Amino acid sequence: ELRAYVLEHRNDDEAIRALFHHPTLKYVTMPPMFTEEGQPI
């Protein structure tokens, strides 16, 4: 359900974080999506 929501709401950072930290998933360290200045990487 969360994956489907994220695919429909790709700019929802809260949902993306929730998916990455879902308790049933193994952690995968992902690099930052934005620079400290807020620019997308």
Full PDB file with SEQRES, HELIX, SHEET, SSBOND, CRYST1, ORIGX, SCALE, CONECT and MASTER records, all heavy atoms in Angstrom:
SEQRES   1 A   41  GLU LEU ARG ALA TYR VAL LEU GLU HIS ARG ASN ASP ASP          
SEQRES   2 A   41  GLU ALA ILE ARG ALA LEU PHE HIS HIS PRO THR LEU LYS          
SEQRES   3 A   41  TYR VAL THR MET PRO PRO MET PHE THR GLU GLU GLY GLN          
SEQRES   4 A   41  PRO ILE                                                      
HELIX    1 AA1 LEU A    2  GLU A    8  1                                   7    
HELIX    2 AA2 ASP A   13  PHE A   20  1                                   8    
CRYST1    1.000    1.000    1.000  90.00  90.00  90.00 P 1           1          
ORIGX1      1.000000  0.000000  0.000000        0.00000                         
ORIGX2      0.000000  1.000000  0.000000        0.00000                         
ORIGX3      0.000000  0.000000  1.000000        0.00000                         
SCALE1      1.000000  0.000000  0.000000        0.00000                         
SCALE2      0.000000  1.000000  0.000000        0.00000                         
SCALE3      0.000000  0.000000  1.000000        0.00000                         
ATOM      1  N   GLU A   1       0.833  -1.205   0.000  1.00  0.00           N  
ATOM      2  CA  GLU A   1       0.000   0.000   0.000  1.00  0.00           C  
ATOM      3  C   GLU A   1       0.866   1.254   0.000  1.00  0.00           C  
ATOM      4  O   GLU A   1       0.598   2.203  -0.740  1.00  0.00           O  
ATOM      5  CB  GLU A   1      -0.907   0.020   1.227  1.00  0.00           C  
ATOM      6  CG  GLU A   1      -1.971  -1.046   1.230  1.00  0.00           C  
ATOM      7  CD  GLU A   1      -2.683  -1.175   2.562  1.00  0.00           C  
ATOM      8  OE1 GLU A   1      -2.107  -0.811   3.609  1.00  0.00           O  
ATOM      9  OE2 GLU A   1      -3.828  -1.652   2.551  1.00  0.00           O  
ATOM     10  N   LEU A   2       1.902   1.234   0.826  1.00  0.00           N  
ATOM     11  CA  LEU A   2       2.782   2.395   0.918  1.00  0.00           C  
ATOM     12  C   LEU A   2       3.547   2.605  -0.385  1.00  0.00           C  
ATOM     13  O   LEU A   2       3.692   3.730  -0.858  1.00  0.00           O  
ATOM     14  CB  LEU A   2       3.745   2.216   2.090  1.00  0.00           C  
ATOM     15  CG  LEU A   2       4.582   3.406   2.520  1.00  0.00           C  
ATOM     16  CD1 LEU A   2       3.746   4.654   2.718  1.00  0.00           C  
ATOM     17  CD2 LEU A   2       5.349   3.065   3.789  1.00  0.00           C  
ATOM     18  N   ARG A   3       3.997   1.524  -0.984  1.00  0.00           N  
ATOM     19  CA  ARG A   3       4.704   1.609  -2.263  1.00  0.00           C  
ATOM     20  C   ARG A   3       3.802   2.222  -3.330  1.00  0.00           C  
ATOM     21  O   ARG A   3       4.220   3.103  -4.092  1.00  0.00           O  
ATOM     22  CB  ARG A   3       5.164   0.217  -2.678  1.00  0.00           C  
ATOM     23  CG  ARG A   3       6.055   0.211  -3.880  1.00  0.00           C  
ATOM     24  CD  ARG A   3       6.552  -1.183  -4.187  1.00  0.00           C  
ATOM     25  NE  ARG A   3       7.482  -1.617  -3.152  1.00  0.00           N  
ATOM     26  CZ  ARG A   3       7.516  -2.826  -2.628  1.00  0.00           C  
ATOM     27  NH1 ARG A   3       6.675  -3.747  -3.018  1.00  0.00           N  
ATOM     28  NH2 ARG A   3       8.399  -3.130  -1.713  1.00  0.00           N  
ATOM     29  N   ALA A   4       2.552   1.779  -3.394  1.00  0.00           N  
ATOM     30  CA  ALA A   4       1.599   2.327  -4.367  1.00  0.00           C  
ATOM     31  C   ALA A   4       1.366   3.812  -4.111  1.00  0.00           C  
ATOM     32  O   ALA A   4       1.312   4.615  -5.052  1.00  0.00           O  
ATOM     33  CB  ALA A   4       0.286   1.554  -4.301  1.00  0.00           C  
ATOM     34  N   TYR A   5       1.259   4.189  -2.835  1.00  0.00           N  
ATOM     35  CA  TYR A   5       1.052   5.599  -2.493  1.00  0.00           C  
ATOM     36  C   TYR A   5       2.253   6.434  -2.949  1.00  0.00           C  
ATOM     37  O   TYR A   5       2.092   7.505  -3.528  1.00  0.00           O  
ATOM     38  CB  TYR A   5       0.837   5.748  -0.987  1.00  0.00           C  
ATOM     39  CG  TYR A   5       0.618   7.186  -0.568  1.00  0.00           C  
ATOM     40  CD1 TYR A   5      -0.648   7.740  -0.569  1.00  0.00           C  
ATOM     41  CD2 TYR A   5       1.694   7.996  -0.188  1.00  0.00           C  
ATOM     42  CE1 TYR A   5      -0.855   9.062  -0.200  1.00  0.00           C  
ATOM     43  CE2 TYR A   5       1.499   9.311   0.175  1.00  0.00           C  
ATOM     44  CZ  TYR A   5       0.228   9.840   0.170  1.00  0.00           C  
ATOM     45  OH  TYR A   5       0.037  11.149   0.510  1.00  0.00           O  
ATOM     46  N   VAL A   6       3.463   5.934  -2.682  1.00  0.00           N  
ATOM     47  CA  VAL A   6       4.669   6.678  -3.054  1.00  0.00           C  
ATOM     48  C   VAL A   6       4.755   6.838  -4.569  1.00  0.00           C  
ATOM     49  O   VAL A   6       5.129   7.901  -5.066  1.00  0.00           O  
ATOM     50  CB  VAL A   6       5.934   5.987  -2.489  1.00  0.00           C  
ATOM     51  CG1 VAL A   6       7.200   6.537  -3.132  1.00  0.00           C  
ATOM     52  CG2 VAL A   6       5.995   6.145  -0.978  1.00  0.00           C  
ATOM     53  N   LEU A   7       4.399   5.805  -5.307  1.00  0.00           N  
ATOM     54  CA  LEU A   7       4.442   5.911  -6.765  1.00  0.00           C  
ATOM     55  C   LEU A   7       3.457   6.949  -7.287  1.00  0.00           C  
ATOM     56  O   LEU A   7       3.706   7.585  -8.312  1.00  0.00           O  
ATOM     57  CB  LEU A   7       4.174   4.547  -7.404  1.00  0.00           C  
ATOM     58  CG  LEU A   7       5.307   3.543  -7.242  1.00  0.00           C  
ATOM     59  CD1 LEU A   7       4.880   2.160  -7.743  1.00  0.00           C  
ATOM     60  CD2 LEU A   7       6.561   4.010  -7.957  1.00  0.00           C  
ATOM     61  N   GLU A   8       2.358   7.148  -6.583  1.00  0.00           N  
ATOM     62  CA  GLU A   8       1.375   8.161  -6.984  1.00  0.00           C  
ATOM     63  C   GLU A   8       1.706   9.548  -6.437  1.00  0.00           C  
ATOM     64  O   GLU A   8       1.230  10.550  -6.955  1.00  0.00           O  
ATOM     65  CB  GLU A   8      -0.017   7.760  -6.507  1.00  0.00           C  
ATOM     66  CG  GLU A   8      -0.573   6.564  -7.241  1.00  0.00           C  
ATOM     67  CD  GLU A   8      -1.950   6.181  -6.737  1.00  0.00           C  
ATOM     68  OE1 GLU A   8      -2.614   7.010  -6.082  1.00  0.00           O  
ATOM     69  OE2 GLU A   8      -2.353   5.033  -6.997  1.00  0.00           O  
ATOM     70  N   HIS A   9       2.509   9.606  -5.375  1.00  0.00           N  
ATOM     71  CA  HIS A   9       2.847  10.875  -4.713  1.00  0.00           C  
ATOM     72  C   HIS A   9       4.363  10.966  -4.560  1.00  0.00           C  
ATOM     73  O   HIS A   9       4.892  10.976  -3.457  1.00  0.00           O  
ATOM     74  CB  HIS A   9       2.167  10.963  -3.336  1.00  0.00           C  
ATOM     75  CG  HIS A   9       0.687  10.836  -3.401  1.00  0.00           C  
ATOM     76  ND1 HIS A   9       0.047   9.616  -3.337  1.00  0.00           N  
ATOM     77  CD2 HIS A   9      -0.279  11.768  -3.545  1.00  0.00           C  
ATOM     78  CE1 HIS A   9      -1.258   9.812  -3.428  1.00  0.00           C  
ATOM     79  NE2 HIS A   9      -1.486  11.111  -3.554  1.00  0.00           N  
ATOM     80  N   ARG A  10       5.063  11.019  -5.665  1.00  0.00           N  
ATOM     81  CA  ARG A  10       6.526  10.946  -5.680  1.00  0.00           C  
ATOM     82  C   ARG A  10       7.220  12.093  -4.950  1.00  0.00           C  
ATOM     83  O   ARG A  10       8.390  11.991  -4.622  1.00  0.00           O  
ATOM     84  CB  ARG A  10       7.030  10.883  -7.118  1.00  0.00           C  
ATOM     85  CG  ARG A  10       6.637   9.597  -7.802  1.00  0.00           C  
ATOM     86  CD  ARG A  10       7.034   9.600  -9.256  1.00  0.00           C  
ATOM     87  NE  ARG A  10       6.523   8.439  -9.926  1.00  0.00           N  
ATOM     88  CZ  ARG A  10       7.243   7.386 -10.230  1.00  0.00           C  
ATOM     89  NH1 ARG A  10       8.518   7.364  -9.954  1.00  0.00           N  
ATOM     90  NH2 ARG A  10       6.706   6.366 -10.845  1.00  0.00           N  
ATOM     91  N   ASN A  11       6.531  13.171  -4.687  1.00  0.00           N  
ATOM     92  CA  ASN A  11       7.147  14.305  -3.992  1.00  0.00           C  
ATOM     93  C   ASN A  11       6.830  14.318  -2.494  1.00  0.00           C  
ATOM     94  O   ASN A  11       7.191  15.261  -1.801  1.00  0.00           O  
ATOM     95  CB  ASN A  11       6.686  15.628  -4.624  1.00  0.00           C  
ATOM     96  CG  ASN A  11       7.198  15.779  -6.031  1.00  0.00           C  
ATOM     97  OD1 ASN A  11       8.303  15.331  -6.335  1.00  0.00           O  
ATOM     98  ND2 ASN A  11       6.410  16.369  -6.901  1.00  0.00           N  
ATOM     99  N   ASP A  12       6.180  13.283  -2.014  1.00  0.00           N  
ATOM    100  CA  ASP A  12       5.816  13.215  -0.603  1.00  0.00           C  
ATOM    101  C   ASP A  12       6.978  12.602   0.179  1.00  0.00           C  
ATOM    102  O   ASP A  12       7.086  11.377   0.312  1.00  0.00           O  
ATOM    103  CB  ASP A  12       4.544  12.395  -0.419  1.00  0.00           C  
ATOM    104  CG  ASP A  12       3.991  12.468   0.991  1.00  0.00           C  
ATOM    105  OD1 ASP A  12       4.778  12.727   1.934  1.00  0.00           O  
ATOM    106  OD2 ASP A  12       2.784  12.265   1.153  1.00  0.00           O  
ATOM    107  N   ASP A  13       7.856  13.455   0.673  1.00  0.00           N  
ATOM    108  CA  ASP A  13       9.056  12.990   1.380  1.00  0.00           C  
ATOM    109  C   ASP A  13       8.718  12.171   2.617  1.00  0.00           C  
ATOM    110  O   ASP A  13       9.419  11.205   2.947  1.00  0.00           O  
ATOM    111  CB  ASP A  13       9.945  14.179   1.778  1.00  0.00           C  
ATOM    112  CG  ASP A  13      10.554  14.860   0.573  1.00  0.00           C  
ATOM    113  OD1 ASP A  13      10.663  14.222  -0.485  1.00  0.00           O  
ATOM    114  OD2 ASP A  13      10.925  16.045   0.704  1.00  0.00           O  
ATOM    115  N   GLU A  14       7.644  12.521   3.304  1.00  0.00           N  
ATOM    116  CA  GLU A  14       7.251  11.776   4.504  1.00  0.00           C  
ATOM    117  C   GLU A  14       6.900  10.327   4.148  1.00  0.00           C  
ATOM    118  O   GLU A  14       7.300   9.379   4.832  1.00  0.00           O  
ATOM    119  CB  GLU A  14       6.065  12.458   5.175  1.00  0.00           C  
ATOM    120  CG  GLU A  14       5.614  11.787   6.443  1.00  0.00           C  
ATOM    121  CD  GLU A  14       4.385  12.449   7.055  1.00  0.00           C  
ATOM    122  OE1 GLU A  14       3.908  13.477   6.524  1.00  0.00           O  
ATOM    123  OE2 GLU A  14       3.903  11.918   8.067  1.00  0.00           O  
ATOM    124  N   ALA A  15       6.178  10.143   3.056  1.00  0.00           N  
ATOM    125  CA  ALA A  15       5.799   8.795   2.623  1.00  0.00           C  
ATOM    126  C   ALA A  15       7.026   8.005   2.171  1.00  0.00           C  
ATOM    127  O   ALA A  15       7.148   6.813   2.469  1.00  0.00           O  
ATOM    128  CB  ALA A  15       4.782   8.879   1.489  1.00  0.00           C  
ATOM    129  N   ILE A  16       7.931   8.659   1.469  1.00  0.00           N  
ATOM    130  CA  ILE A  16       9.154   7.994   1.018  1.00  0.00           C  
ATOM    131  C   ILE A  16       9.970   7.546   2.222  1.00  0.00           C  
ATOM    132  O   ILE A  16      10.454   6.408   2.270  1.00  0.00           O  
ATOM    133  CB  ILE A  16       9.964   8.914   0.093  1.00  0.00           C  
ATOM    134  CG1 ILE A  16       9.196   9.140  -1.214  1.00  0.00           C  
ATOM    135  CG2 ILE A  16      11.351   8.332  -0.171  1.00  0.00           C  
ATOM    136  CD1 ILE A  16       9.758  10.232  -2.091  1.00  0.00           C  
ATOM    137  N   ARG A  17      10.112   8.420   3.211  1.00  0.00           N  
ATOM    138  CA  ARG A  17      10.833   8.058   4.432  1.00  0.00           C  
ATOM    139  C   ARG A  17      10.163   6.877   5.126  1.00  0.00           C  
ATOM    140  O   ARG A  17      10.829   5.947   5.599  1.00  0.00           O  
ATOM    141  CB  ARG A  17      10.894   9.252   5.388  1.00  0.00           C  
ATOM    142  CG  ARG A  17      12.248   9.903   5.422  1.00  0.00           C  
ATOM    143  CD  ARG A  17      12.331  11.003   6.458  1.00  0.00           C  
ATOM    144  NE  ARG A  17      12.496  12.260   5.743  1.00  0.00           N  
ATOM    145  CZ  ARG A  17      11.557  13.167   5.543  1.00  0.00           C  
ATOM    146  NH1 ARG A  17      10.377  13.024   6.041  1.00  0.00           N  
ATOM    147  NH2 ARG A  17      11.809  14.249   4.861  1.00  0.00           N  
ATOM    148  N   ALA A  18       8.831   6.903   5.194  1.00  0.00           N  
ATOM    149  CA  ALA A  18       8.094   5.817   5.844  1.00  0.00           C  
ATOM    150  C   ALA A  18       8.329   4.497   5.118  1.00  0.00           C  
ATOM    151  O   ALA A  18       8.484   3.454   5.753  1.00  0.00           O  
ATOM    152  CB  ALA A  18       6.604   6.148   5.886  1.00  0.00           C  
ATOM    153  N   LEU A  19       8.386   4.552   3.795  1.00  0.00           N  
ATOM    154  CA  LEU A  19       8.641   3.335   3.034  1.00  0.00           C  
ATOM    155  C   LEU A  19      10.048   2.815   3.288  1.00  0.00           C  
ATOM    156  O   LEU A  19      10.247   1.623   3.536  1.00  0.00           O  
ATOM    157  CB  LEU A  19       8.426   3.584   1.538  1.00  0.00           C  
ATOM    158  CG  LEU A  19       8.662   2.378   0.627  1.00  0.00           C  
ATOM    159  CD1 LEU A  19       7.761   1.206   1.009  1.00  0.00           C  
ATOM    160  CD2 LEU A  19       8.427   2.781  -0.818  1.00  0.00           C  
ATOM    161  N   PHE A  20      11.024   3.700   3.257  1.00  0.00           N  
ATOM    162  CA  PHE A  20      12.400   3.281   3.496  1.00  0.00           C  
ATOM    163  C   PHE A  20      12.596   2.729   4.897  1.00  0.00           C  
ATOM    164  O   PHE A  20      13.463   1.897   5.124  1.00  0.00           O  
ATOM    165  CB  PHE A  20      13.384   4.434   3.280  1.00  0.00           C  
ATOM    166  CG  PHE A  20      13.757   4.640   1.850  1.00  0.00           C  
ATOM    167  CD1 PHE A  20      13.533   5.861   1.240  1.00  0.00           C  
ATOM    168  CD2 PHE A  20      14.335   3.635   1.110  1.00  0.00           C  
ATOM    169  CE1 PHE A  20      13.883   6.065  -0.080  1.00  0.00           C  
ATOM    170  CE2 PHE A  20      14.690   3.821  -0.209  1.00  0.00           C  
ATOM    171  CZ  PHE A  20      14.457   5.045  -0.809  1.00  0.00           C  
ATOM    172  N   HIS A  21      11.806   3.183   5.844  1.00  0.00           N  
ATOM    173  CA  HIS A  21      11.967   2.753   7.228  1.00  0.00           C  
ATOM    174  C   HIS A  21      10.870   1.794   7.686  1.00  0.00           C  
ATOM    175  O   HIS A  21      10.709   1.566   8.881  1.00  0.00           O  
ATOM    176  CB  HIS A  21      12.021   3.975   8.156  1.00  0.00           C  
ATOM    177  CG  HIS A  21      13.236   4.797   7.945  1.00  0.00           C  
ATOM    178  ND1 HIS A  21      13.265   5.842   7.053  1.00  0.00           N  
ATOM    179  CD2 HIS A  21      14.476   4.703   8.459  1.00  0.00           C  
ATOM    180  CE1 HIS A  21      14.480   6.375   7.044  1.00  0.00           C  
ATOM    181  NE2 HIS A  21      15.228   5.705   7.893  1.00  0.00           N  
ATOM    182  N   HIS A  22      10.141   1.221   6.743  1.00  0.00           N  
ATOM    183  CA  HIS A  22       9.082   0.288   7.111  1.00  0.00           C  
ATOM    184  C   HIS A  22       9.703  -0.883   7.861  1.00  0.00           C  
ATOM    185  O   HIS A  22      10.726  -1.431   7.451  1.00  0.00           O  
ATOM    186  CB  HIS A  22       8.349  -0.204   5.862  1.00  0.00           C  
ATOM    187  CG  HIS A  22       7.036  -0.817   6.174  1.00  0.00           C  
ATOM    188  ND1 HIS A  22       6.907  -2.121   6.601  1.00  0.00           N  
ATOM    189  CD2 HIS A  22       5.786  -0.295   6.134  1.00  0.00           C  
ATOM    190  CE1 HIS A  22       5.631  -2.380   6.803  1.00  0.00           C  
ATOM    191  NE2 HIS A  22       4.930  -1.295   6.522  1.00  0.00           N  
ATOM    192  N   PRO A  23       9.111  -1.284   8.982  1.00  0.00           N  
ATOM    193  CA  PRO A  23       9.742  -2.308   9.824  1.00  0.00           C  
ATOM    194  C   PRO A  23       9.914  -3.670   9.160  1.00  0.00           C  
ATOM    195  O   PRO A  23      10.759  -4.452   9.574  1.00  0.00           O  
ATOM    196  CB  PRO A  23       8.806  -2.407  11.037  1.00  0.00           C  
ATOM    197  CG  PRO A  23       7.551  -1.743  10.631  1.00  0.00           C  
ATOM    198  CD  PRO A  23       7.879  -0.783   9.538  1.00  0.00           C  
ATOM    199  N   THR A  24       9.143  -3.957   8.121  1.00  0.00           N  
ATOM    200  CA  THR A  24       9.277  -5.266   7.478  1.00  0.00           C  
ATOM    201  C   THR A  24      10.348  -5.289   6.397  1.00  0.00           C  
ATOM    202  O   THR A  24      10.644  -6.348   5.860  1.00  0.00           O  
ATOM    203  CB  THR A  24       7.942  -5.718   6.862  1.00  0.00           C  
ATOM    204  OG1 THR A  24       7.566  -4.792   5.843  1.00  0.00           O  
ATOM    205  CG2 THR A  24       6.859  -5.818   7.921  1.00  0.00           C  
ATOM    206  N   LEU A  25      10.904  -4.153   6.085  1.00  0.00           N  
ATOM    207  CA  LEU A  25      11.940  -4.087   5.053  1.00  0.00           C  
ATOM    208  C   LEU A  25      13.319  -4.018   5.691  1.00  0.00           C  
ATOM    209  O   LEU A  25      13.495  -3.438   6.745  1.00  0.00           O  
ATOM    210  CB  LEU A  25      11.743  -2.854   4.162  1.00  0.00           C  
ATOM    211  CG  LEU A  25      10.460  -2.812   3.350  1.00  0.00           C  
ATOM    212  CD1 LEU A  25      10.378  -1.491   2.601  1.00  0.00           C  
ATOM    213  CD2 LEU A  25      10.407  -3.975   2.378  1.00  0.00           C  
ATOM    214  N   LYS A  26      14.271  -4.607   5.021  1.00  0.00           N  
ATOM    215  CA  LYS A  26      15.648  -4.482   5.478  1.00  0.00           C  
ATOM    216  C   LYS A  26      16.123  -3.077   5.120  1.00  0.00           C  
ATOM    217  O   LYS A  26      15.776  -2.530   4.090  1.00  0.00           O  
ATOM    218  CB  LYS A  26      16.533  -5.519   4.793  1.00  0.00           C  
ATOM    219  CG  LYS A  26      16.188  -6.928   5.174  1.00  0.00           C  
ATOM    220  CD  LYS A  26      17.091  -7.891   4.462  1.00  0.00           C  
ATOM    221  CE  LYS A  26      16.706  -9.312   4.828  1.00  0.00           C  
ATOM    222  NZ  LYS A  26      17.480 -10.281   4.082  1.00  0.00           N  
ATOM    223  N   TYR A  27      16.943  -2.539   5.979  1.00  0.00           N  
ATOM    224  CA  TYR A  27      17.464  -1.205   5.733  1.00  0.00           C  
ATOM    225  C   TYR A  27      18.455  -1.208   4.578  1.00  0.00           C  
ATOM    226  O   TYR A  27      19.317  -2.070   4.494  1.00  0.00           O  
ATOM    227  CB  TYR A  27      18.169  -0.647   6.972  1.00  0.00           C  
ATOM    228  CG  TYR A  27      17.216  -0.066   7.972  1.00  0.00           C  
ATOM    229  CD1 TYR A  27      16.754  -0.823   9.032  1.00  0.00           C  
ATOM    230  CD2 TYR A  27      16.770   1.240   7.845  1.00  0.00           C  
ATOM    231  CE1 TYR A  27      15.876  -0.293   9.946  1.00  0.00           C  
ATOM    232  CE2 TYR A  27      15.896   1.773   8.754  1.00  0.00           C  
ATOM    233  CZ  TYR A  27      15.450   1.003   9.808  1.00  0.00           C  
ATOM    234  OH  TYR A  27      14.577   1.532  10.708  1.00  0.00           O  
ATOM    235  N   VAL A  28      18.292  -0.248   3.713  1.00  0.00           N  
ATOM    236  CA  VAL A  28      19.239   0.002   2.642  1.00  0.00           C  
ATOM    237  C   VAL A  28      19.652   1.455   2.791  1.00  0.00           C  
ATOM    238  O   VAL A  28      18.813   2.348   2.788  1.00  0.00           O  
ATOM    239  CB  VAL A  28      18.605  -0.225   1.255  1.00  0.00           C  
ATOM    240  CG1 VAL A  28      19.571   0.139   0.160  1.00  0.00           C  
ATOM    241  CG2 VAL A  28      18.135  -1.666   1.110  1.00  0.00           C  
ATOM    242  N   THR A  29      20.913   1.676   2.990  1.00  0.00           N  
ATOM    243  CA  THR A  29      21.380   3.047   3.150  1.00  0.00           C  
ATOM    244  C   THR A  29      21.326   3.742   1.798  1.00  0.00           C  
ATOM    245  O   THR A  29      21.895   3.273   0.826  1.00  0.00           O  
ATOM    246  CB  THR A  29      22.817   3.068   3.690  1.00  0.00           C  
ATOM    247  OG1 THR A  29      22.840   2.356   4.916  1.00  0.00           O  
ATOM    248  CG2 THR A  29      23.284   4.494   3.908  1.00  0.00           C  
ATOM    249  N   MET A  30      20.591   4.834   1.776  1.00  0.00           N  
ATOM    250  CA  MET A  30      20.446   5.601   0.544  1.00  0.00           C  
ATOM    251  C   MET A  30      21.162   6.937   0.722  1.00  0.00           C  
ATOM    252  O   MET A  30      21.152   7.514   1.808  1.00  0.00           O  
ATOM    253  CB  MET A  30      18.965   5.847   0.238  1.00  0.00           C  
ATOM    254  CG  MET A  30      18.154   4.590   0.028  1.00  0.00           C  
ATOM    255  SD  MET A  30      18.699   3.611  -1.385  1.00  0.00           S  
ATOM    256  CE  MET A  30      18.133   4.610  -2.719  1.00  0.00           C  
ATOM    257  N   PRO A  31      21.754   7.408  -0.351  1.00  0.00           N  
ATOM    258  CA  PRO A  31      22.409   8.714  -0.278  1.00  0.00           C  
ATOM    259  C   PRO A  31      21.358   9.823  -0.166  1.00  0.00           C  
ATOM    260  O   PRO A  31      20.182   9.599  -0.468  1.00  0.00           O  
ATOM    261  CB  PRO A  31      23.166   8.794  -1.606  1.00  0.00           C  
ATOM    262  CG  PRO A  31      22.401   7.916  -2.530  1.00  0.00           C  
ATOM    263  CD  PRO A  31      21.845   6.810  -1.677  1.00  0.00           C  
ATOM    264  N   PRO A  32      21.757  11.010   0.250  1.00  0.00           N  
ATOM    265  CA  PRO A  32      20.791  12.118   0.367  1.00  0.00           C  
ATOM    266  C   PRO A  32      20.215  12.484  -0.998  1.00  0.00           C  
ATOM    267  O   PRO A  32      20.899  12.399  -2.017  1.00  0.00           O  
ATOM    268  CB  PRO A  32      21.619  13.262   0.944  1.00  0.00           C  
ATOM    269  CG  PRO A  32      23.029  12.922   0.637  1.00  0.00           C  
ATOM    270  CD  PRO A  32      23.112  11.428   0.575  1.00  0.00           C  
ATOM    271  N   MET A  33      18.956  12.879  -0.998  1.00  0.00           N  
ATOM    272  CA  MET A  33      18.279  13.269  -2.241  1.00  0.00           C  
ATOM    273  C   MET A  33      18.501  14.745  -2.582  1.00  0.00           C  
ATOM    274  O   MET A  33      18.315  15.149  -3.710  1.00  0.00           O  
ATOM    275  CB  MET A  33      16.766  13.015  -2.137  1.00  0.00           C  
ATOM    276  CG  MET A  33      16.391  11.577  -1.908  1.00  0.00           C  
ATOM    277  SD  MET A  33      16.863  10.538  -3.276  1.00  0.00           S  
ATOM    278  CE  MET A  33      17.701   9.252  -2.382  1.00  0.00           C  
ATOM    279  N   PHE A  34      18.890  15.527  -1.550  1.00  0.00           N  
ATOM    280  CA  PHE A  34      19.059  16.962  -1.743  1.00  0.00           C  
ATOM    281  C   PHE A  34      20.339  17.439  -1.063  1.00  0.00           C  
ATOM    282  O   PHE A  34      20.768  16.860  -0.066  1.00  0.00           O  
ATOM    283  CB  PHE A  34      17.865  17.734  -1.146  1.00  0.00           C  
ATOM    284  CG  PHE A  34      16.554  17.385  -1.783  1.00  0.00           C  
ATOM    285  CD1 PHE A  34      15.757  16.374  -1.281  1.00  0.00           C  
ATOM    286  CD2 PHE A  34      16.145  18.066  -2.905  1.00  0.00           C  
ATOM    287  CE1 PHE A  34      14.560  16.041  -1.881  1.00  0.00           C  
ATOM    288  CE2 PHE A  34      14.934  17.749  -3.519  1.00  0.00           C  
ATOM    289  CZ  PHE A  34      14.143  16.733  -3.004  1.00  0.00           C  
ATOM    290  N   THR A  35      20.918  18.498  -1.591  1.00  0.00           N  
ATOM    291  CA  THR A  35      22.069  19.119  -0.956  1.00  0.00           C  
ATOM    292  C   THR A  35      21.595  19.892   0.270  1.00  0.00           C  
ATOM    293  O   THR A  35      20.384  20.067   0.475  1.00  0.00           O  
ATOM    294  CB  THR A  35      22.775  20.104  -1.910  1.00  0.00           C  
ATOM    295  OG1 THR A  35      21.871  21.185  -2.192  1.00  0.00           O  
ATOM    296  CG2 THR A  35      23.218  19.440  -3.201  1.00  0.00           C  
ATOM    297  N   GLU A  36      22.518  20.363   1.073  1.00  0.00           N  
ATOM    298  CA  GLU A  36      22.143  21.171   2.242  1.00  0.00           C  
ATOM    299  C   GLU A  36      21.418  22.446   1.838  1.00  0.00           C  
ATOM    300  O   GLU A  36      20.643  23.002   2.610  1.00  0.00           O  
ATOM    301  CB  GLU A  36      23.381  21.505   3.069  1.00  0.00           C  
ATOM    302  CG  GLU A  36      23.965  20.311   3.783  1.00  0.00           C  
ATOM    303  CD  GLU A  36      25.158  20.666   4.657  1.00  0.00           C  
ATOM    304  OE1 GLU A  36      25.377  21.862   4.911  1.00  0.00           O  
ATOM    305  OE2 GLU A  36      25.844  19.732   5.082  1.00  0.00           O  
ATOM    306  N   GLU A  37      21.668  22.910   0.618  1.00  0.00           N  
ATOM    307  CA  GLU A  37      21.000  24.120   0.117  1.00  0.00           C  
ATOM    308  C   GLU A  37      19.617  23.825  -0.442  1.00  0.00           C  
ATOM    309  O   GLU A  37      18.914  24.719  -0.881  1.00  0.00           O  
ATOM    310  CB  GLU A  37      21.853  24.791  -0.977  1.00  0.00           C  
ATOM    311  CG  GLU A  37      23.183  25.332  -0.497  1.00  0.00           C  
ATOM    312  CD  GLU A  37      24.237  24.225  -0.354  1.00  0.00           C  
ATOM    313  OE1 GLU A  37      24.174  23.214  -1.080  1.00  0.00           O  
ATOM    314  OE2 GLU A  37      25.115  24.373   0.508  1.00  0.00           O  
ATOM    315  N   GLY A  38      19.227  22.549  -0.483  1.00  0.00           N  
ATOM    316  CA  GLY A  38      17.901  22.185  -0.976  1.00  0.00           C  
ATOM    317  C   GLY A  38      17.846  21.837  -2.448  1.00  0.00           C  
ATOM    318  O   GLY A  38      16.766  21.631  -2.991  1.00  0.00           O  
ATOM    319  N   GLN A  39      18.991  21.759  -3.095  1.00  0.00           N  
ATOM    320  CA  GLN A  39      19.020  21.415  -4.514  1.00  0.00           C  
ATOM    321  C   GLN A  39      18.962  19.896  -4.681  1.00  0.00           C  
ATOM    322  O   GLN A  39      19.658  19.162  -3.974  1.00  0.00           O  
ATOM    323  CB  GLN A  39      20.303  21.950  -5.170  1.00  0.00           C  
ATOM    324  CG  GLN A  39      20.421  23.458  -5.158  1.00  0.00           C  
ATOM    325  CD  GLN A  39      19.312  24.103  -5.946  1.00  0.00           C  
ATOM    326  OE1 GLN A  39      18.973  23.684  -7.035  1.00  0.00           O  
ATOM    327  NE2 GLN A  39      18.699  25.133  -5.363  1.00  0.00           N  
ATOM    328  N   PRO A  40      18.140  19.405  -5.612  1.00  0.00           N  
ATOM    329  CA  PRO A  40      18.072  17.955  -5.810  1.00  0.00           C  
ATOM    330  C   PRO A  40      19.387  17.406  -6.365  1.00  0.00           C  
ATOM    331  O   PRO A  40      20.056  18.056  -7.153  1.00  0.00           O  
ATOM    332  CB  PRO A  40      16.941  17.774  -6.815  1.00  0.00           C  
ATOM    333  CG  PRO A  40      16.622  19.111  -7.344  1.00  0.00           C  
ATOM    334  CD  PRO A  40      17.242  20.139  -6.463  1.00  0.00           C  
ATOM    335  N   ILE A  41      19.721  16.208  -5.927  1.00  0.00           N  
ATOM    336  CA  ILE A  41      20.901  15.512  -6.435  1.00  0.00           C  
ATOM    337  C   ILE A  41      20.360  14.449  -7.393  1.00  0.00           C  
ATOM    338  O   ILE A  41      19.915  13.374  -6.976  1.00  0.00           O  
ATOM    339  CB  ILE A  41      21.722  14.883  -5.288  1.00  0.00           C  
ATOM    340  CG1 ILE A  41      22.138  15.961  -4.284  1.00  0.00           C  
ATOM    341  CG2 ILE A  41      22.940  14.141  -5.848  1.00  0.00           C  
ATOM    342  CD1 ILE A  41      22.764  15.407  -3.020  1.00  0.00           C  
TER     343      ILE A  41                                                      
MASTER        0    0    0    2    0    0    0    6  342    1    0    4          
END                                                                             
